[in-house]
């Protein structure tokens, strides 16, 4: 009896795994995150160069994570629209096939 339950649970796990979108998320542009770099040894010429260098170091990592978040949100949004469309079409088809003999006033 327990062996049958384990088999059923494994089948359920496989079915739920197919529905999972986490494995389908493409990580950014399929690249690795930018490497962490040390501060350069050369001193900055002025405060503008220092600020530009510091901002660019921080922003390149933020761009990578932003691309990942964008891809995940796009996948969730596209998936939910596809599911909603499928449900809507199914409801329309089932209603038109079963509702032809009943009289509804709209």
PDB file of N, CA and C in Angstrom:
ATOM      1  N   UNK A   1       0.819  -1.190   0.000  1.00  0.00           N
ATOM      2  CA  UNK A   1       0.000   0.000   0.000  1.00  0.00           C
ATOM      3  C   UNK A   1       0.864   1.256   0.000  1.00  0.00           C
ATOM      4  N   UNK A   2       1.963   1.217   0.773  1.00  0.00           N
ATOM      5  CA  UNK A   2       2.848   2.382   0.825  1.00  0.00           C
ATOM      6  C   UNK A   2       3.573   2.573  -0.496  1.00  0.00           C
ATOM      7  N   UNK A   3       3.905   1.472  -1.161  1.00  0.00           N
ATOM      8  CA  UNK A   3       4.597   1.566  -2.440  1.00  0.00           C
ATOM      9  C   UNK A   3       3.713   2.234  -3.488  1.00  0.00           C
ATOM     10  N   UNK A   4       2.428   1.928  -3.476  1.00  0.00           N
ATOM     11  CA  UNK A   4       1.491   2.572  -4.395  1.00  0.00           C
ATOM     12  C   UNK A   4       1.360   4.053  -4.123  1.00  0.00           C
ATOM     13  N   UNK A   5       1.374   4.435  -2.853  1.00  0.00           N
ATOM     14  CA  UNK A   5       1.275   5.845  -2.480  1.00  0.00           C
ATOM     15  C   UNK A   5       2.526   6.601  -2.909  1.00  0.00           C
ATOM     16  N   UNK A   6       3.696   5.984  -2.757  1.00  0.00           N
ATOM     17  CA  UNK A   6       4.952   6.615  -3.165  1.00  0.00           C
ATOM     18  C   UNK A   6       4.950   6.828  -4.681  1.00  0.00           C
ATOM     19  N   UNK A   7       4.459   5.849  -5.415  1.00  0.00           N
ATOM     20  CA  UNK A   7       4.392   5.980  -6.869  1.00  0.00           C
ATOM     21  C   UNK A   7       3.464   7.118  -7.273  1.00  0.00           C
ATOM     22  N   UNK A   8       2.325   7.217  -6.609  1.00  0.00           N
ATOM     23  CA  UNK A   8       1.380   8.295  -6.906  1.00  0.00           C
ATOM     24  C   UNK A   8       1.991   9.659  -6.582  1.00  0.00           C
ATOM     25  N   UNK A   9       2.698   9.732  -5.451  1.00  0.00           N
ATOM     26  CA  UNK A   9       3.313  10.994  -5.077  1.00  0.00           C
ATOM     27  C   UNK A   9       4.421  11.394  -6.049  1.00  0.00           C
ATOM     28  N   UNK A  10       5.168  10.431  -6.555  1.00  0.00           N
ATOM     29  CA  UNK A  10       6.208  10.745  -7.540  1.00  0.00           C
ATOM     30  C   UNK A  10       5.608  11.227  -8.854  1.00  0.00           C
ATOM     31  N   UNK A  11       4.485  10.637  -9.248  1.00  0.00           N
ATOM     32  CA  UNK A  11       3.805  11.098 -10.459  1.00  0.00           C
ATOM     33  C   UNK A  11       3.275  12.510 -10.255  1.00  0.00           C
ATOM     34  N   UNK A  12       2.732  12.779  -9.066  1.00  0.00           N
ATOM     35  CA  UNK A  12       2.243  14.118  -8.750  1.00  0.00           C
ATOM     36  C   UNK A  12       3.394  15.123  -8.756  1.00  0.00           C
ATOM     37  N   UNK A  13       4.533  14.714  -8.214  1.00  0.00           N
ATOM     38  CA  UNK A  13       5.704  15.589  -8.201  1.00  0.00           C
ATOM     39  C   UNK A  13       6.160  15.912  -9.622  1.00  0.00           C
ATOM     40  N   UNK A  14       6.148  14.922 -10.498  1.00  0.00           N
ATOM     41  CA  UNK A  14       6.543  15.151 -11.890  1.00  0.00           C
ATOM     42  C   UNK A  14       5.564  16.082 -12.591  1.00  0.00           C
ATOM     43  N   UNK A  15       4.273  15.918 -12.314  1.00  0.00           N
ATOM     44  CA  UNK A  15       3.267  16.783 -12.943  1.00  0.00           C
ATOM     45  C   UNK A  15       3.418  18.220 -12.462  1.00  0.00           C
ATOM     46  N   UNK A  16       3.655  18.405 -11.185  1.00  0.00           N
ATOM     47  CA  UNK A  16       3.825  19.756 -10.646  1.00  0.00           C
ATOM     48  C   UNK A  16       5.136  20.358 -11.148  1.00  0.00           C
ATOM     49  N   UNK A  17       6.151  19.524 -11.314  1.00  0.00           N
ATOM     50  CA  UNK A  17       7.428  20.002 -11.859  1.00  0.00           C
ATOM     51  C   UNK A  17       7.285  20.540 -13.270  1.00  0.00           C
ATOM     52  N   UNK A  18       6.374  19.956 -14.049  1.00  0.00           N
ATOM     53  CA  UNK A  18       6.131  20.464 -15.407  1.00  0.00           C
ATOM     54  C   UNK A  18       5.484  21.839 -15.374  1.00  0.00           C
ATOM     55  N   UNK A  19       4.708  22.123 -14.341  1.00  0.00           N
ATOM     56  CA  UNK A  19       4.038  23.414 -14.230  1.00  0.00           C
ATOM     57  C   UNK A  19       4.955  24.507 -13.681  1.00  0.00           C
ATOM     58  N   UNK A  20       6.049  24.119 -13.067  1.00  0.00           N
ATOM     59  CA  UNK A  20       6.942  25.083 -12.446  1.00  0.00           C
ATOM     60  C   UNK A  20       7.592  25.962 -13.507  1.00  0.00           C
ATOM     61  N   UNK A  21       7.577  27.261 -13.280  1.00  0.00           N
ATOM     62  CA  UNK A  21       8.210  28.167 -14.233  1.00  0.00           C
ATOM     63  C   UNK A  21       9.625  28.525 -13.811  1.00  0.00           C
ATOM     64  N   UNK A  22      10.010  28.182 -12.605  1.00  0.00           N
ATOM     65  CA  UNK A  22      11.332  28.560 -12.111  1.00  0.00           C
ATOM     66  C   UNK A  22      12.446  27.931 -12.937  1.00  0.00           C
ATOM     67  N   UNK A  23      12.219  26.715 -13.437  1.00  0.00           N
ATOM     68  CA  UNK A  23      13.252  26.071 -14.236  1.00  0.00           C
ATOM     69  C   UNK A  23      13.330  26.644 -15.644  1.00  0.00           C
ATOM     70  N   UNK A  24      12.297  27.400 -16.056  1.00  0.00           N
ATOM     71  CA  UNK A  24      12.276  27.952 -17.407  1.00  0.00           C
ATOM     72  C   UNK A  24      12.808  29.370 -17.492  1.00  0.00           C
ATOM     73  N   UNK A  25      13.105  29.963 -16.358  1.00  0.00           N
ATOM     74  CA  UNK A  25      13.585  31.343 -16.362  1.00  0.00           C
ATOM     75  C   UNK A  25      14.995  31.368 -16.942  1.00  0.00           C
ATOM     76  N   UNK A  26      15.160  32.144 -17.992  1.00  0.00           N
ATOM     77  CA  UNK A  26      16.471  32.304 -18.602  1.00  0.00           C
ATOM     78  C   UNK A  26      17.194  33.385 -17.827  1.00  0.00           C
ATOM     79  N   UNK A  27      18.371  33.065 -17.374  1.00  0.00           N
ATOM     80  CA  UNK A  27      19.113  33.998 -16.532  1.00  0.00           C
ATOM     81  C   UNK A  27      19.754  35.063 -17.412  1.00  0.00           C
ATOM     82  N   UNK A  28      19.166  36.267 -17.373  1.00  0.00           N
ATOM     83  CA  UNK A  28      19.708  37.395 -18.126  1.00  0.00           C
ATOM     84  C   UNK A  28      19.944  37.053 -19.571  1.00  0.00           C
ATOM     85  N   UNK A  29      21.125  37.283 -20.027  1.00  0.00           N
ATOM     86  CA  UNK A  29      21.484  36.968 -21.399  1.00  0.00           C
ATOM     87  C   UNK A  29      22.376  35.728 -21.431  1.00  0.00           C
ATOM     88  N   UNK A  30      22.090  34.783 -20.560  1.00  0.00           N
ATOM     89  CA  UNK A  30      22.838  33.526 -20.446  1.00  0.00           C
ATOM     90  C   UNK A  30      24.328  33.762 -20.180  1.00  0.00           C
ATOM     91  N   UNK A  31      24.623  34.829 -19.509  1.00  0.00           N
ATOM     92  CA  UNK A  31      26.000  35.124 -19.164  1.00  0.00           C
ATOM     93  C   UNK A  31      26.172  35.061 -17.658  1.00  0.00           C
ATOM     94  N   UNK A  32      27.390  35.020 -17.250  1.00  0.00           N
ATOM     95  CA  UNK A  32      27.675  35.034 -15.828  1.00  0.00           C
ATOM     96  C   UNK A  32      27.613  36.472 -15.320  1.00  0.00           C
ATOM     97  N   UNK A  33      27.406  36.629 -14.021  1.00  0.00           N
ATOM     98  CA  UNK A  33      27.409  37.997 -13.498  1.00  0.00           C
ATOM     99  C   UNK A  33      28.804  38.609 -13.640  1.00  0.00           C
ATOM    100  N   UNK A  34      28.866  39.912 -13.708  1.00  0.00           N
ATOM    101  CA  UNK A  34      30.186  40.531 -13.828  1.00  0.00           C
ATOM    102  C   UNK A  34      31.014  40.232 -12.589  1.00  0.00           C
ATOM    103  N   UNK A  35      32.298  40.033 -12.767  1.00  0.00           N
ATOM    104  CA  UNK A  35      33.133  39.682 -11.612  1.00  0.00           C
ATOM    105  C   UNK A  35      33.282  40.862 -10.661  1.00  0.00           C
ATOM    106  N   UNK A  36      33.416  40.524  -9.397  1.00  0.00           N
ATOM    107  CA  UNK A  36      33.698  41.572  -8.413  1.00  0.00           C
ATOM    108  C   UNK A  36      35.143  42.013  -8.612  1.00  0.00           C
ATOM    109  N   UNK A  37      35.325  43.288  -8.701  1.00  0.00           N
ATOM    110  CA  UNK A  37      36.671  43.810  -8.941  1.00  0.00           C
ATOM    111  C   UNK A  37      37.128  44.605  -7.737  1.00  0.00           C
ATOM    112  N   UNK A  38      38.427  44.673  -7.597  1.00  0.00           N
ATOM    113  CA  UNK A  38      39.013  45.487  -6.538  1.00  0.00           C
ATOM    114  C   UNK A  38      39.122  46.928  -7.028  1.00  0.00           C
ATOM    115  N   UNK A  39      39.243  47.826  -6.079  1.00  0.00           N
ATOM    116  CA  UNK A  39      39.453  49.222  -6.469  1.00  0.00           C
ATOM    117  C   UNK A  39      40.773  49.319  -7.216  1.00  0.00           C
ATOM    118  N   UNK A  40      40.809  50.174  -8.190  1.00  0.00           N
ATOM    119  CA  UNK A  40      42.042  50.304  -8.961  1.00  0.00           C
ATOM    120  C   UNK A  40      43.116  50.993  -8.119  1.00  0.00           C
ATOM    121  N   UNK A  41      44.346  50.706  -8.479  1.00  0.00           N
ATOM    122  CA  UNK A  41      45.466  51.255  -7.712  1.00  0.00           C
ATOM    123  C   UNK A  41      45.777  52.684  -8.122  1.00  0.00           C
ATOM    124  N   UNK A  42      45.479  53.011  -9.384  1.00  0.00           N
ATOM    125  CA  UNK A  42      45.773  54.355  -9.860  1.00  0.00           C
ATOM    126  C   UNK A  42      44.834  55.351  -9.199  1.00  0.00           C
ATOM    127  N   UNK A  43      45.346  56.421  -8.641  1.00  0.00           N
ATOM    128  CA  UNK A  43      44.452  57.406  -8.025  1.00  0.00           C
ATOM    129  C   UNK A  43      43.653  58.168  -9.091  1.00  0.00           C
ATOM    130  N   UNK A  44      42.492  58.612  -8.701  1.00  0.00           N
ATOM    131  CA  UNK A  44      41.648  59.365  -9.622  1.00  0.00           C
ATOM    132  C   UNK A  44      42.242  60.743  -9.873  1.00  0.00           C
ATOM    133  N   UNK A  45      41.982  61.241 -11.084  1.00  0.00           N
ATOM    134  CA  UNK A  45      42.497  62.567 -11.416  1.00  0.00           C
ATOM    135  C   UNK A  45      41.695  63.667 -10.728  1.00  0.00           C
ATOM    136  N   UNK A  46      40.369  63.456 -10.618  1.00  0.00           N
ATOM    137  CA  UNK A  46      39.522  64.421  -9.932  1.00  0.00           C
ATOM    138  C   UNK A  46      38.300  63.692  -9.373  1.00  0.00           C
ATOM    139  N   UNK A  47      37.420  64.441  -8.703  1.00  0.00           N
ATOM    140  CA  UNK A  47      36.261  63.808  -8.063  1.00  0.00           C
ATOM    141  C   UNK A  47      35.252  63.289  -9.089  1.00  0.00           C
ATOM    142  N   UNK A  48      35.211  63.894 -10.271  1.00  0.00           N
ATOM    143  CA  UNK A  48      34.275  63.443 -11.304  1.00  0.00           C
ATOM    144  C   UNK A  48      34.672  62.050 -11.805  1.00  0.00           C
ATOM    145  N   UNK A  49      35.956  61.863 -12.037  1.00  0.00           N
ATOM    146  CA  UNK A  49      36.421  60.542 -12.480  1.00  0.00           C
ATOM    147  C   UNK A  49      36.188  59.495 -11.389  1.00  0.00           C
ATOM    148  N   UNK A  50      36.406  59.867 -10.142  1.00  0.00           N
ATOM    149  CA  UNK A  50      36.166  58.955  -9.023  1.00  0.00           C
ATOM    150  C   UNK A  50      34.697  58.553  -8.954  1.00  0.00           C
ATOM    151  N   UNK A  51      33.797  59.529  -9.069  1.00  0.00           N
ATOM    152  CA  UNK A  51      32.368  59.239  -9.007  1.00  0.00           C
ATOM    153  C   UNK A  51      31.924  58.384 -10.195  1.00  0.00           C
ATOM    154  N   UNK A  52      32.431  58.693 -11.387  1.00  0.00           N
ATOM    155  CA  UNK A  52      32.082  57.920 -12.584  1.00  0.00           C
ATOM    156  C   UNK A  52      32.558  56.479 -12.445  1.00  0.00           C
ATOM    157  N   UNK A  53      33.785  56.298 -12.005  1.00  0.00           N
ATOM    158  CA  UNK A  53      34.340  54.954 -11.839  1.00  0.00           C
ATOM    159  C   UNK A  53      33.544  54.168 -10.794  1.00  0.00           C
ATOM    160  N   UNK A  54      33.244  54.793  -9.664  1.00  0.00           N
ATOM    161  CA  UNK A  54      32.523  54.115  -8.593  1.00  0.00           C
ATOM    162  C   UNK A  54      31.114  53.731  -9.046  1.00  0.00           C
ATOM    163  N   UNK A  55      30.415  54.650  -9.715  1.00  0.00           N
ATOM    164  CA  UNK A  55      29.056  54.362 -10.193  1.00  0.00           C
ATOM    165  C   UNK A  55      29.054  53.244 -11.226  1.00  0.00           C
ATOM    166  N   UNK A  56      29.986  53.285 -12.165  1.00  0.00           N
ATOM    167  CA  UNK A  56      30.034  52.236 -13.197  1.00  0.00           C
ATOM    168  C   UNK A  56      30.320  50.861 -12.598  1.00  0.00           C
ATOM    169  N   UNK A  57      31.152  50.822 -11.571  1.00  0.00           N
ATOM    170  CA  UNK A  57      31.418  49.542 -10.896  1.00  0.00           C
ATOM    171  C   UNK A  57      30.157  48.980 -10.281  1.00  0.00           C
ATOM    172  N   UNK A  58      29.351  49.824  -9.651  1.00  0.00           N
ATOM    173  CA  UNK A  58      28.128  49.372  -8.987  1.00  0.00           C
ATOM    174  C   UNK A  58      27.019  49.072  -9.991  1.00  0.00           C
ATOM    175  N   UNK A  59      26.920  49.869 -11.023  1.00  0.00           N
ATOM    176  CA  UNK A  59      25.800  49.758 -11.958  1.00  0.00           C
ATOM    177  C   UNK A  59      25.893  48.502 -12.812  1.00  0.00           C
ATOM    178  N   UNK A  60      27.094  48.046 -13.160  1.00  0.00           N
ATOM    179  CA  UNK A  60      27.183  46.863 -14.023  1.00  0.00           C
ATOM    180  C   UNK A  60      26.591  45.627 -13.343  1.00  0.00           C
ATOM    181  N   UNK A  61      26.706  45.518 -12.031  1.00  0.00           N
ATOM    182  CA  UNK A  61      26.077  44.413 -11.316  1.00  0.00           C
ATOM    183  C   UNK A  61      24.564  44.606 -11.255  1.00  0.00           C
ATOM    184  N   UNK A  62      24.124  45.846 -11.075  1.00  0.00           N
ATOM    185  CA  UNK A  62      22.688  46.115 -11.034  1.00  0.00           C
ATOM    186  C   UNK A  62      22.033  45.806 -12.381  1.00  0.00           C
ATOM    187  N   UNK A  63      22.713  46.091 -13.478  1.00  0.00           N
ATOM    188  CA  UNK A  63      22.171  45.795 -14.808  1.00  0.00           C
ATOM    189  C   UNK A  63      21.966  44.294 -14.992  1.00  0.00           C
ATOM    190  N   UNK A  64      22.908  43.518 -14.506  1.00  0.00           N
ATOM    191  CA  UNK A  64      22.800  42.059 -14.616  1.00  0.00           C
ATOM    192  C   UNK A  64      21.570  41.564 -13.854  1.00  0.00           C
ATOM    193  N   UNK A  65      21.400  42.003 -12.614  1.00  0.00           N
ATOM    194  CA  UNK A  65      20.267  41.547 -11.814  1.00  0.00           C
ATOM    195  C   UNK A  65      18.944  42.102 -12.339  1.00  0.00           C
ATOM    196  N   UNK A  66      18.962  43.290 -12.891  1.00  0.00           N
ATOM    197  CA  UNK A  66      17.754  43.855 -13.485  1.00  0.00           C
ATOM    198  C   UNK A  66      17.306  43.032 -14.691  1.00  0.00           C
ATOM    199  N   UNK A  67      18.263  42.590 -15.495  1.00  0.00           N
ATOM    200  CA  UNK A  67      17.926  41.757 -16.654  1.00  0.00           C
ATOM    201  C   UNK A  67      17.310  40.432 -16.208  1.00  0.00           C
ATOM    202  N   UNK A  68      17.830  39.857 -15.139  1.00  0.00           N
ATOM    203  CA  UNK A  68      17.254  38.617 -14.613  1.00  0.00           C
ATOM    204  C   UNK A  68      15.837  38.826 -14.114  1.00  0.00           C
ATOM    205  N   UNK A  69      15.620  39.902 -13.379  1.00  0.00           N
ATOM    206  CA  UNK A  69      14.280  40.192 -12.857  1.00  0.00           C
ATOM    207  C   UNK A  69      13.305  40.467 -13.998  1.00  0.00           C
ATOM    208  N   UNK A  70      13.763  41.161 -15.019  1.00  0.00           N
ATOM    209  CA  UNK A  70      12.912  41.454 -16.171  1.00  0.00           C
ATOM    210  C   UNK A  70      12.482  40.164 -16.872  1.00  0.00           C
ATOM    211  N   UNK A  71      13.411  39.249 -17.062  1.00  0.00           N
ATOM    212  CA  UNK A  71      13.095  37.978 -17.724  1.00  0.00           C
ATOM    213  C   UNK A  71      12.097  37.166 -16.905  1.00  0.00           C
ATOM    214  N   UNK A  72      12.278  37.142 -15.583  1.00  0.00           N
ATOM    215  CA  UNK A  72      11.362  36.393 -14.724  1.00  0.00           C
ATOM    216  C   UNK A  72       9.963  37.004 -14.763  1.00  0.00           C
ATOM    217  N   UNK A  73       9.879  38.322 -14.688  1.00  0.00           N
ATOM    218  CA  UNK A  73       8.564  38.985 -14.737  1.00  0.00           C
ATOM    219  C   UNK A  73       7.897  38.791 -16.086  1.00  0.00           C
ATOM    220  N   UNK A  74       8.685  38.852 -17.141  1.00  0.00           N
ATOM    221  CA  UNK A  74       8.141  38.655 -18.486  1.00  0.00           C
ATOM    222  C   UNK A  74       7.591  37.247 -18.632  1.00  0.00           C
ATOM    223  N   UNK A  75       8.296  36.282 -18.092  1.00  0.00           N
ATOM    224  CA  UNK A  75       7.832  34.899 -18.167  1.00  0.00           C
ATOM    225  C   UNK A  75       6.542  34.707 -17.383  1.00  0.00           C
ATOM    226  N   UNK A  76       6.459  35.280 -16.190  1.00  0.00           N
ATOM    227  CA  UNK A  76       5.248  35.154 -15.376  1.00  0.00           C
ATOM    228  C   UNK A  76       4.075  35.841 -16.067  1.00  0.00           C
ATOM    229  N   UNK A  77       4.297  37.034 -16.584  1.00  0.00           N
ATOM    230  CA  UNK A  77       3.225  37.765 -17.247  1.00  0.00           C
ATOM    231  C   UNK A  77       2.756  37.035 -18.501  1.00  0.00           C
ATOM    232  N   UNK A  78       3.683  36.593 -19.322  1.00  0.00           N
ATOM    233  CA  UNK A  78       3.310  35.878 -20.544  1.00  0.00           C
ATOM    234  C   UNK A  78       2.594  34.578 -20.205  1.00  0.00           C
ATOM    235  N   UNK A  79       3.061  33.861 -19.199  1.00  0.00           N
ATOM    236  CA  UNK A  79       2.413  32.617 -18.798  1.00  0.00           C
ATOM    237  C   UNK A  79       1.010  32.835 -18.285  1.00  0.00           C
ATOM    238  N   UNK A  80       0.817  33.891 -17.502  1.00  0.00           N
ATOM    239  CA  UNK A  80      -0.525  34.144 -16.976  1.00  0.00           C
ATOM    240  C   UNK A  80      -1.482  34.561 -18.086  1.00  0.00           C
ATOM    241  N   UNK A  81      -1.004  35.298 -19.071  1.00  0.00           N
ATOM    242  CA  UNK A  81      -1.860  35.671 -20.199  1.00  0.00           C
ATOM    243  C   UNK A  81      -2.241  34.437 -21.010  1.00  0.00           C
ATOM    244  N   UNK A  82      -1.297  33.537 -21.218  1.00  0.00           N
ATOM    245  CA  UNK A  82      -1.587  32.308 -21.970  1.00  0.00           C
ATOM    246  C   UNK A  82      -2.599  31.447 -21.221  1.00  0.00           C
ATOM    247  N   UNK A  83      -2.436  31.313 -19.914  1.00  0.00           N
ATOM    248  CA  UNK A  83      -3.385  30.530 -19.119  1.00  0.00           C
ATOM    249  C   UNK A  83      -4.768  31.168 -19.150  1.00  0.00           C
ATOM    250  N   UNK A  84      -4.829  32.485 -18.995  1.00  0.00           N
ATOM    251  CA  UNK A  84      -6.118  33.173 -19.028  1.00  0.00           C
ATOM    252  C   UNK A  84      -6.785  33.012 -20.393  1.00  0.00           C
ATOM    253  N   UNK A  85      -6.001  33.078 -21.453  1.00  0.00           N
ATOM    254  CA  UNK A  85      -6.546  32.898 -22.797  1.00  0.00           C
ATOM    255  C   UNK A  85      -7.088  31.485 -22.991  1.00  0.00           C
ATOM    256  N   UNK A  86      -6.340  30.488 -22.521  1.00  0.00           N
ATOM    257  CA  UNK A  86      -6.802  29.101 -22.637  1.00  0.00           C
ATOM    258  C   UNK A  86      -8.091  28.881 -21.844  1.00  0.00           C
ATOM    259  N   UNK A  87      -8.154  29.416 -20.636  1.00  0.00           N
ATOM    260  CA  UNK A  87      -9.369  29.271 -19.822  1.00  0.00           C
ATOM    261  C   UNK A  87     -10.541  29.959 -20.503  1.00  0.00           C
ATOM    262  N   UNK A  88     -10.317  31.131 -21.042  1.00  0.00           N
ATOM    263  CA  UNK A  88     -11.385  31.879 -21.703  1.00  0.00           C
ATOM    264  C   UNK A  88     -11.904  31.133 -22.934  1.00  0.00           C
ATOM    265  N   UNK A  89     -11.005  30.622 -23.745  1.00  0.00           N
ATOM    266  CA  UNK A  89     -11.423  29.886 -24.943  1.00  0.00           C
ATOM    267  C   UNK A  89     -12.158  28.609 -24.559  1.00  0.00           C
ATOM    268  N   UNK A  90     -11.662  27.915 -23.543  1.00  0.00           N
ATOM    269  CA  UNK A  90     -12.335  26.698 -23.079  1.00  0.00           C
ATOM    270  C   UNK A  90     -13.734  27.013 -22.577  1.00  0.00           C
ATOM    271  N   UNK A  91     -13.866  28.094 -21.818  1.00  0.00           N
ATOM    272  CA  UNK A  91     -15.197  28.473 -21.319  1.00  0.00           C
ATOM    273  C   UNK A  91     -16.135  28.828 -22.471  1.00  0.00           C
ATOM    274  N   UNK A  92     -15.629  29.526 -23.467  1.00  0.00           N
ATOM    275  CA  UNK A  92     -16.475  29.881 -24.603  1.00  0.00           C
ATOM    276  C   UNK A  92     -16.901  28.646 -25.383  1.00  0.00           C
ATOM    277  N   UNK A  93     -15.972  27.705 -25.575  1.00  0.00           N
ATOM    278  CA  UNK A  93     -16.317  26.487 -26.317  1.00  0.00           C
ATOM    279  C   UNK A  93     -17.296  25.612 -25.547  1.00  0.00           C
ATOM    280  N   UNK A  94     -17.104  25.479 -24.251  1.00  0.00           N
ATOM    281  CA  UNK A  94     -18.011  24.664 -23.450  1.00  0.00           C
ATOM    282  C   UNK A  94     -19.386  25.320 -23.344  1.00  0.00           C
ATOM    283  N   UNK A  95     -19.423  26.615 -23.260  1.00  0.00           N
ATOM    284  CA  UNK A  95     -20.700  27.324 -23.167  1.00  0.00           C
ATOM    285  C   UNK A  95     -21.470  27.216 -24.476  1.00  0.00           C
ATOM    286  N   UNK A  96     -20.794  27.337 -25.606  1.00  0.00           N
ATOM    287  CA  UNK A  96     -21.488  27.291 -26.885  1.00  0.00           C
ATOM    288  C   UNK A  96     -21.985  25.884 -27.196  1.00  0.00           C
ATOM    289  N   UNK A  97     -21.257  24.871 -26.734  1.00  0.00           N
ATOM    290  CA  UNK A  97     -21.701  23.503 -27.016  1.00  0.00           C
ATOM    291  C   UNK A  97     -22.810  23.054 -26.070  1.00  0.00           C
ATOM    292  N   UNK A  98     -22.776  23.474 -24.812  1.00  0.00           N
ATOM    293  CA  UNK A  98     -23.793  23.037 -23.856  1.00  0.00           C
ATOM    294  C   UNK A  98     -24.949  24.032 -23.715  1.00  0.00           C
ATOM    295  N   UNK A  99     -24.747  25.248 -24.131  1.00  0.00           N
ATOM    296  CA  UNK A  99     -25.772  26.257 -23.917  1.00  0.00           C
ATOM    297  C   UNK A  99     -26.661  26.493 -25.121  1.00  0.00           C
ATOM    298  N   UNK A 100     -26.598  25.663 -26.132  1.00  0.00           N
ATOM    299  CA  UNK A 100     -27.386  25.915 -27.331  1.00  0.00           C
ATOM    300  C   UNK A 100     -28.863  25.634 -27.119  1.00  0.00           C
ATOM    301  N   UNK A 101     -29.213  24.718 -26.196  1.00  0.00           N
ATOM    302  CA  UNK A 101     -30.620  24.399 -25.992  1.00  0.00           C
ATOM    303  C   UNK A 101     -31.268  25.280 -24.924  1.00  0.00           C
ATOM    304  N   UNK A 102     -30.474  25.901 -24.071  1.00  0.00           N
ATOM    305  CA  UNK A 102     -31.055  26.739 -23.025  1.00  0.00           C
ATOM    306  C   UNK A 102     -31.242  28.153 -23.552  1.00  0.00           C
ATOM    307  N   UNK A 103     -32.189  28.846 -22.973  1.00  0.00           N
ATOM    308  CA  UNK A 103     -32.460  30.212 -23.426  1.00  0.00           C
ATOM    309  C   UNK A 103     -32.000  31.191 -22.337  1.00  0.00           C
ATOM    310  N   UNK A 104     -30.975  31.914 -22.648  1.00  0.00           N
ATOM    311  CA  UNK A 104     -30.468  32.951 -21.757  1.00  0.00           C
ATOM    312  C   UNK A 104     -30.720  34.291 -22.423  1.00  0.00           C
ATOM    313  N   UNK A 105     -31.120  35.258 -21.622  1.00  0.00           N
ATOM    314  CA  UNK A 105     -31.298  36.591 -22.179  1.00  0.00           C
ATOM    315  C   UNK A 105     -30.155  37.481 -21.714  1.00  0.00           C
ATOM    316  N   UNK A 106     -29.404  37.983 -22.659  1.00  0.00           N
ATOM    317  CA  UNK A 106     -28.281  38.865 -22.347  1.00  0.00           C
ATOM    318  C   UNK A 106     -28.546  40.234 -22.892  1.00  0.00           C
TER     319      UNK A 106
END
